[in-house]
């Protein structure tokens, strides 16, 4: 049996923050928890009632989800890398919000939240405040659709859309708010939706970097794509907890094809000398380890192409 909490604790040494930008925009509005869930929604794709969606072989603890939130790669970090390379903004990379009302199942709505959250990070990095409002509106629609709209302060979101200051403090507050949303989903036996949000952010973040690398190849982007081997491996373990659900099984099968390609990516580490550094007025030990990634251009293109296929399938209406 998998020890998911132990696994997630190990993630903190492997990668950084995954849904930083998404949870940044899920600001808790101090509303009371919704007590009555809609039990009558049905999945049009698989004809499975949302109320009986399979909720996993093992319960994933709040502490485990909290560790995931704080330690997996951030779309805002990927967007920052893209911008630092002088790559111009392109709206063509983004998933369209025009048909958000067509996201009719809980599965589709949850993974769509992740996709639009990643796009929001890209827009925010390039200060595209006009388009940001459309994506915030789409996220609110989807959040309401899976009954987590009470954790969504639309007024605050509009204000944040035109102000990217104080991101560190907002990130801390938002992590706590995501935990509120996750706790609510778990209490209502819908913890699988939290995993879908995370998966949606990862897939869209990978898609954005891949499409940029396709047109603007660089060593930095190739390395960023290569290091996703570690992130995907651990994300897959979380998703496989729900593989008895046909929706998840299809997603896992698609991501397995990407994971198989990553078997040919070689990641090695070189132990560095620790040093004492000052952080927030305190001395801490910083471990200066180095990471080396070997990935050929040919393999990178294959991973980019497959990721694009999976992403386009996710947003297909």
Protein backbone atom coordinates (compact mmCIF):
# COMPACT_ATOMS: atom_id res chain seq x y z
CA UNK A 1 0.00 0.00 0.00
CA UNK A 2 1.33 3.43 -0.93
CA UNK A 3 2.30 5.80 1.88
CA UNK A 4 1.14 8.98 0.20
CA UNK A 5 2.04 11.25 3.08
CA UNK A 6 5.61 9.98 3.12
CA UNK A 7 5.80 10.40 -0.66
CA UNK A 8 4.62 13.97 -0.59
CA UNK A 9 7.07 14.84 2.18
CA UNK A 10 9.83 13.70 -0.18
CA UNK A 11 8.57 16.04 -2.88
CA UNK A 12 9.77 19.13 -0.97
CA UNK A 13 13.35 18.20 -1.87
CA UNK A 14 12.59 17.64 -5.55
CA UNK A 15 10.57 20.54 -6.85
CA UNK A 16 8.95 23.86 -6.07
CA UNK A 17 5.43 25.30 -6.13
CA UNK A 18 2.83 23.91 -8.60
CA UNK A 19 -0.39 25.70 -8.07
CA UNK A 20 1.02 28.91 -6.58
CA UNK A 21 -0.69 31.16 -9.11
CA UNK A 22 -3.96 29.25 -9.12
CA UNK A 23 -4.44 29.29 -5.37
CA UNK A 24 -3.28 32.92 -5.35
CA UNK A 25 -6.60 33.69 -6.99
CA UNK A 26 -8.73 31.50 -4.73
CA UNK A 27 -9.02 34.07 -1.94
CA UNK A 28 -11.17 32.93 0.95
CA UNK A 29 -14.13 35.28 1.35
CA UNK A 30 -15.07 34.28 4.96
CA UNK A 31 -18.28 32.71 3.74
CA UNK A 32 -19.65 29.75 5.67
CA UNK A 33 -19.29 26.31 4.17
CA UNK A 34 -22.01 25.26 1.74
CA UNK A 35 -24.04 22.54 3.50
CA UNK A 36 -26.11 21.16 0.67
CA UNK A 37 -24.40 19.61 -2.34
CA UNK A 38 -26.18 19.08 -5.60
CA UNK A 39 -26.57 15.31 -5.87
CA UNK A 40 -28.33 15.33 -9.21
CA UNK A 41 -25.48 16.22 -11.61
CA UNK A 42 -24.56 13.49 -14.07
CA UNK A 43 -21.40 13.06 -16.12
CA UNK A 44 -22.37 13.31 -19.75
CA UNK A 45 -19.05 11.85 -20.83
CA UNK A 46 -19.29 8.60 -18.84
CA UNK A 47 -22.83 8.71 -17.43
CA UNK A 48 -21.49 8.52 -13.86
CA UNK A 49 -23.28 10.61 -11.21
CA UNK A 50 -20.92 13.18 -9.70
CA UNK A 51 -22.14 12.24 -6.24
CA UNK A 52 -20.72 8.72 -6.60
CA UNK A 53 -17.46 9.55 -8.35
CA UNK A 54 -14.77 7.17 -7.09
CA UNK A 55 -12.84 8.90 -4.32
CA UNK A 56 -9.65 6.86 -4.20
CA UNK A 57 -8.13 3.77 -2.63
CA UNK A 58 -6.52 5.88 0.10
CA UNK A 59 -7.55 9.14 1.73
CA UNK A 60 -4.99 11.87 1.06
CA UNK A 61 -4.48 13.89 4.23
CA UNK A 62 -4.71 17.67 4.43
CA UNK A 63 -1.03 17.77 5.38
CA UNK A 64 -0.13 15.84 2.23
CA UNK A 65 -2.14 18.16 -0.02
CA UNK A 66 -0.62 21.16 1.75
CA UNK A 67 2.86 19.83 0.98
CA UNK A 68 1.91 19.36 -2.68
CA UNK A 69 0.58 22.91 -2.91
CA UNK A 70 3.79 24.35 -1.47
CA UNK A 71 6.33 22.21 -3.29
CA UNK A 72 5.37 21.55 -6.94
CA UNK A 73 6.42 23.84 -9.80
CA UNK A 74 4.62 27.13 -10.26
CA UNK A 75 3.20 28.26 -13.61
CA UNK A 76 4.24 31.77 -12.61
CA UNK A 77 7.83 30.50 -12.37
CA UNK A 78 7.57 28.98 -15.85
CA UNK A 79 6.02 32.17 -17.20
CA UNK A 80 8.82 34.19 -15.59
CA UNK A 81 11.40 32.01 -17.33
CA UNK A 82 9.66 32.49 -20.67
CA UNK A 83 9.53 36.25 -20.23
CA UNK A 84 13.17 36.43 -19.05
CA UNK A 85 14.23 34.88 -22.36
CA UNK A 86 12.69 37.81 -24.23
CA UNK A 87 9.89 35.70 -25.73
CA UNK A 88 6.93 37.94 -26.63
CA UNK A 89 3.45 37.26 -25.27
CA UNK A 90 1.11 35.21 -27.46
CA UNK A 91 -2.57 34.70 -26.68
CA UNK A 92 -2.51 31.76 -29.11
CA UNK A 93 -0.96 29.63 -26.36
CA UNK A 94 -3.94 30.06 -24.02
CA UNK A 95 -7.03 27.90 -23.65
CA UNK A 96 -10.11 29.82 -24.77
CA UNK A 97 -12.67 30.89 -22.19
CA UNK A 98 -15.39 31.32 -24.80
CA UNK A 99 -16.99 27.95 -24.14
CA UNK A 100 -16.53 27.59 -20.39
CA UNK A 101 -20.26 26.84 -20.02
CA UNK A 102 -19.64 23.66 -22.00
CA UNK A 103 -17.54 22.23 -19.14
CA UNK A 104 -20.52 20.22 -17.90
CA UNK A 105 -19.06 17.54 -15.59
CA UNK A 106 -17.27 17.88 -12.25
CA UNK A 107 -14.23 16.18 -13.77
CA UNK A 108 -14.09 18.68 -16.61
CA UNK A 109 -14.71 21.66 -14.34
CA UNK A 110 -11.98 20.71 -11.86
CA UNK A 111 -9.28 20.10 -14.44
CA UNK A 112 -10.44 23.22 -16.28
CA UNK A 113 -9.86 25.23 -13.10
CA UNK A 114 -6.24 24.10 -13.20
CA UNK A 115 -5.82 24.90 -16.88
CA UNK A 116 -7.24 28.41 -16.58
CA UNK A 117 -5.24 28.96 -13.40
CA UNK A 118 -2.01 28.26 -15.27
CA UNK A 119 -3.07 30.59 -18.07
CA UNK A 120 -3.77 33.23 -15.46
CA UNK A 121 -0.16 33.00 -14.32
CA UNK A 122 1.06 33.56 -17.88
CA UNK A 123 -1.24 36.56 -18.35
CA UNK A 124 -0.24 38.05 -15.01
CA UNK A 125 3.47 37.78 -15.79
CA UNK A 126 2.95 39.81 -18.98
CA UNK A 127 0.58 42.27 -17.26
CA UNK A 128 -2.29 41.50 -19.65
CA UNK A 129 -4.88 42.93 -17.28
CA UNK A 130 -7.64 43.15 -19.87
CA UNK A 131 -7.61 39.42 -20.62
CA UNK A 132 -7.11 38.49 -16.96
CA UNK A 133 -10.70 39.43 -16.15
CA UNK A 134 -12.01 36.87 -18.67
CA UNK A 135 -9.99 34.09 -17.05
CA UNK A 136 -11.00 35.11 -13.54
CA UNK A 137 -14.64 34.99 -14.65
CA UNK A 138 -14.12 31.54 -16.16
CA UNK A 139 -12.50 30.27 -12.97
CA UNK A 140 -15.38 31.61 -10.88
CA UNK A 141 -17.89 29.84 -13.14
CA UNK A 142 -16.06 26.53 -12.81
CA UNK A 143 -15.55 26.95 -9.06
CA UNK A 144 -19.27 27.52 -8.59
CA UNK A 145 -19.88 24.43 -10.72
CA UNK A 146 -18.08 22.14 -8.27
CA UNK A 147 -19.52 23.91 -5.22
CA UNK A 148 -16.37 25.72 -4.07
CA UNK A 149 -17.52 29.18 -5.12
CA UNK A 150 -17.81 30.19 -1.46
CA UNK A 151 -14.01 30.27 -1.39
CA UNK A 152 -13.92 32.67 -4.30
CA UNK A 153 -13.92 36.46 -3.75
CA UNK A 154 -14.53 37.93 -7.21
CA UNK A 155 -14.14 41.52 -6.02
CA UNK A 156 -10.71 40.75 -4.60
CA UNK A 157 -9.72 38.94 -7.78
CA UNK A 158 -10.51 41.95 -9.93
CA UNK A 159 -8.37 44.10 -7.66
CA UNK A 160 -5.49 41.62 -7.78
CA UNK A 161 -5.74 41.48 -11.56
CA UNK A 162 -4.32 44.98 -11.80
CA UNK A 163 -1.83 44.70 -8.94
CA UNK A 164 0.96 42.13 -8.80
CA UNK A 165 2.58 43.49 -5.62
CA UNK A 166 3.01 41.60 -2.32
CA UNK A 167 2.91 38.20 -4.03
CA UNK A 168 4.80 36.45 -1.21
CA UNK A 169 2.29 37.39 1.48
CA UNK A 170 -0.63 36.69 -0.86
CA UNK A 171 0.83 33.27 -1.61
CA UNK A 172 0.90 32.40 2.10
CA UNK A 173 -2.71 33.52 2.60
CA UNK A 174 -3.82 31.69 -0.54
CA UNK A 175 -2.24 28.39 0.50
CA UNK A 176 -4.33 28.50 3.66
CA UNK A 177 -7.43 29.23 1.57
CA UNK A 178 -6.75 26.35 -0.79
CA UNK A 179 -6.59 24.10 2.26
CA UNK A 180 -10.07 25.30 3.20
CA UNK A 181 -11.34 24.36 -0.24
CA UNK A 182 -9.55 21.00 -0.17
CA UNK A 183 -10.91 20.20 3.30
CA UNK A 184 -14.42 20.95 2.07
CA UNK A 185 -13.99 18.64 -0.92
CA UNK A 186 -12.61 15.84 1.24
CA UNK A 187 -15.38 16.16 3.81
CA UNK A 188 -17.86 15.73 0.97
CA UNK A 189 -15.95 12.73 -0.43
CA UNK A 190 -14.72 14.65 -3.48
CA UNK A 191 -10.99 14.89 -2.76
CA UNK A 192 -10.29 13.63 -6.28
CA UNK A 193 -11.21 17.09 -7.56
CA UNK A 194 -8.24 18.67 -5.73
CA UNK A 195 -5.92 16.28 -7.57
CA UNK A 196 -7.54 17.22 -10.87
CA UNK A 197 -6.94 20.92 -10.26
CA UNK A 198 -3.26 20.18 -9.65
CA UNK A 199 -3.07 18.01 -12.78
CA UNK A 200 -4.70 20.72 -14.90
CA UNK A 201 -2.17 23.32 -13.77
CA UNK A 202 0.74 20.97 -14.51
CA UNK A 203 -0.46 20.00 -17.99
CA UNK A 204 -1.16 23.60 -19.04
CA UNK A 205 2.12 24.85 -17.58
CA UNK A 206 4.00 22.17 -19.50
CA UNK A 207 2.05 23.04 -22.64
CA UNK A 208 2.96 26.74 -22.40
CA UNK A 209 6.67 26.03 -21.95
CA UNK A 210 6.60 23.40 -24.69
CA UNK A 211 4.96 25.63 -27.27
CA UNK A 212 7.42 28.43 -26.51
CA UNK A 213 10.35 25.99 -26.74
CA UNK A 214 9.05 24.74 -30.09
CA UNK A 215 9.36 28.22 -31.61
CA UNK A 216 12.13 29.63 -29.40
CA UNK A 217 14.44 26.72 -28.44
CA UNK A 218 16.88 27.36 -25.61
CA UNK A 219 18.95 25.38 -23.12
CA UNK A 220 16.95 26.87 -20.25
CA UNK A 221 13.60 25.71 -21.63
CA UNK A 222 14.98 22.29 -22.52
CA UNK A 223 16.22 21.85 -18.94
CA UNK A 224 12.87 23.03 -17.54
CA UNK A 225 11.06 20.44 -19.64
CA UNK A 226 13.54 17.75 -18.65
CA UNK A 227 13.14 18.31 -14.91
CA UNK A 228 9.40 17.69 -15.19
CA UNK A 229 10.29 13.98 -15.18
CA UNK A 230 10.45 14.12 -11.39
CA UNK A 231 7.29 16.17 -11.00
CA UNK A 232 5.22 14.00 -13.33
CA UNK A 233 6.40 10.82 -11.64
CA UNK A 234 5.08 11.93 -8.27
CA UNK A 235 1.95 13.54 -9.66
CA UNK A 236 1.09 10.22 -11.32
CA UNK A 237 1.25 8.38 -8.00
CA UNK A 238 -1.33 10.77 -6.61
CA UNK A 239 -3.59 10.47 -9.66
CA UNK A 240 -3.39 6.66 -9.69
CA UNK A 241 -5.10 6.68 -6.32
CA UNK A 242 -8.27 7.37 -8.32
CA UNK A 243 -7.66 5.19 -11.36
CA UNK A 244 -10.78 3.08 -10.79
CA UNK A 245 -12.76 6.10 -11.95
CA UNK A 246 -13.03 5.87 -15.78
CA UNK A 247 -12.39 9.61 -16.14
CA UNK A 248 -9.13 9.33 -14.23
CA UNK A 249 -8.15 6.11 -16.00
CA UNK A 250 -8.26 7.86 -19.37
CA UNK A 251 -6.22 10.81 -18.09
CA UNK A 252 -3.68 8.49 -16.43
CA UNK A 253 -3.30 6.46 -19.63
CA UNK A 254 -2.57 9.65 -21.58
CA UNK A 255 -0.04 10.90 -19.02
CA UNK A 256 1.57 7.43 -18.88
CA UNK A 257 2.63 7.92 -22.50
CA UNK A 258 4.48 11.09 -21.52
CA UNK A 259 6.01 9.36 -18.51
CA UNK A 260 7.30 6.54 -20.74
CA UNK A 261 9.11 9.13 -22.88
CA UNK A 262 10.70 10.59 -19.77
CA UNK A 263 12.43 7.27 -19.06
CA UNK A 264 15.10 8.41 -21.52
CA UNK A 265 15.71 11.68 -19.64
CA UNK A 266 18.69 11.33 -17.27
CA UNK A 267 18.83 13.46 -14.12
CA UNK A 268 21.91 13.38 -11.90
CA UNK A 269 22.89 15.32 -8.79
CA UNK A 270 26.17 16.65 -7.44
CA UNK A 271 26.44 17.21 -3.70
CA UNK A 272 27.50 20.75 -2.87
CA UNK A 273 29.01 22.30 0.22
CA UNK A 274 26.45 23.73 2.67
CA UNK A 275 26.69 27.38 3.68
CA UNK A 276 25.13 29.61 6.29
CA UNK A 277 22.92 32.36 4.87
CA UNK A 278 20.62 34.95 6.44
CA UNK A 279 16.90 34.71 5.69
CA UNK A 280 14.38 36.95 7.43
CA UNK A 281 16.89 37.87 10.10
CA UNK A 282 17.80 34.26 10.88
CA UNK A 283 20.81 32.13 9.96
CA UNK A 284 19.87 29.01 8.03
CA UNK A 285 21.86 26.27 6.31
CA UNK A 286 21.62 26.30 2.52
CA UNK A 287 22.58 23.10 0.69
CA UNK A 288 24.26 23.97 -2.63
CA UNK A 289 23.49 20.82 -4.59
CA UNK A 290 23.60 20.87 -8.39
CA UNK A 291 21.23 19.15 -10.79
CA UNK A 292 22.20 17.99 -14.29
CA UNK A 293 19.61 17.06 -16.90
CA UNK A 294 20.30 15.15 -20.10
CA UNK A 295 17.56 15.38 -22.73
CA UNK A 296 18.03 15.39 -26.50
CA UNK A 297 16.26 17.86 -28.76
CA UNK A 298 14.52 14.98 -30.51
CA UNK A 299 13.15 13.61 -27.25
CA UNK A 300 12.13 17.07 -26.11
CA UNK A 301 10.08 17.57 -29.28
CA UNK A 302 8.36 14.21 -28.75
CA UNK A 303 7.43 15.17 -25.20
CA UNK A 304 6.19 18.58 -26.36
CA UNK A 305 4.04 17.01 -29.08
CA UNK A 306 2.47 14.44 -26.75
CA UNK A 307 1.87 17.03 -24.04
CA UNK A 308 0.10 19.24 -26.57
CA UNK A 309 -2.09 16.32 -27.64
CA UNK A 310 -3.06 15.56 -24.03
CA UNK A 311 -3.72 19.21 -23.25
CA UNK A 312 -5.87 19.72 -26.36
CA UNK A 313 -7.84 16.62 -25.44
CA UNK A 314 -8.47 18.03 -21.97
CA UNK A 315 -9.85 21.32 -23.25
CA UNK A 316 -11.76 19.70 -26.12
CA UNK A 317 -15.49 20.36 -25.82
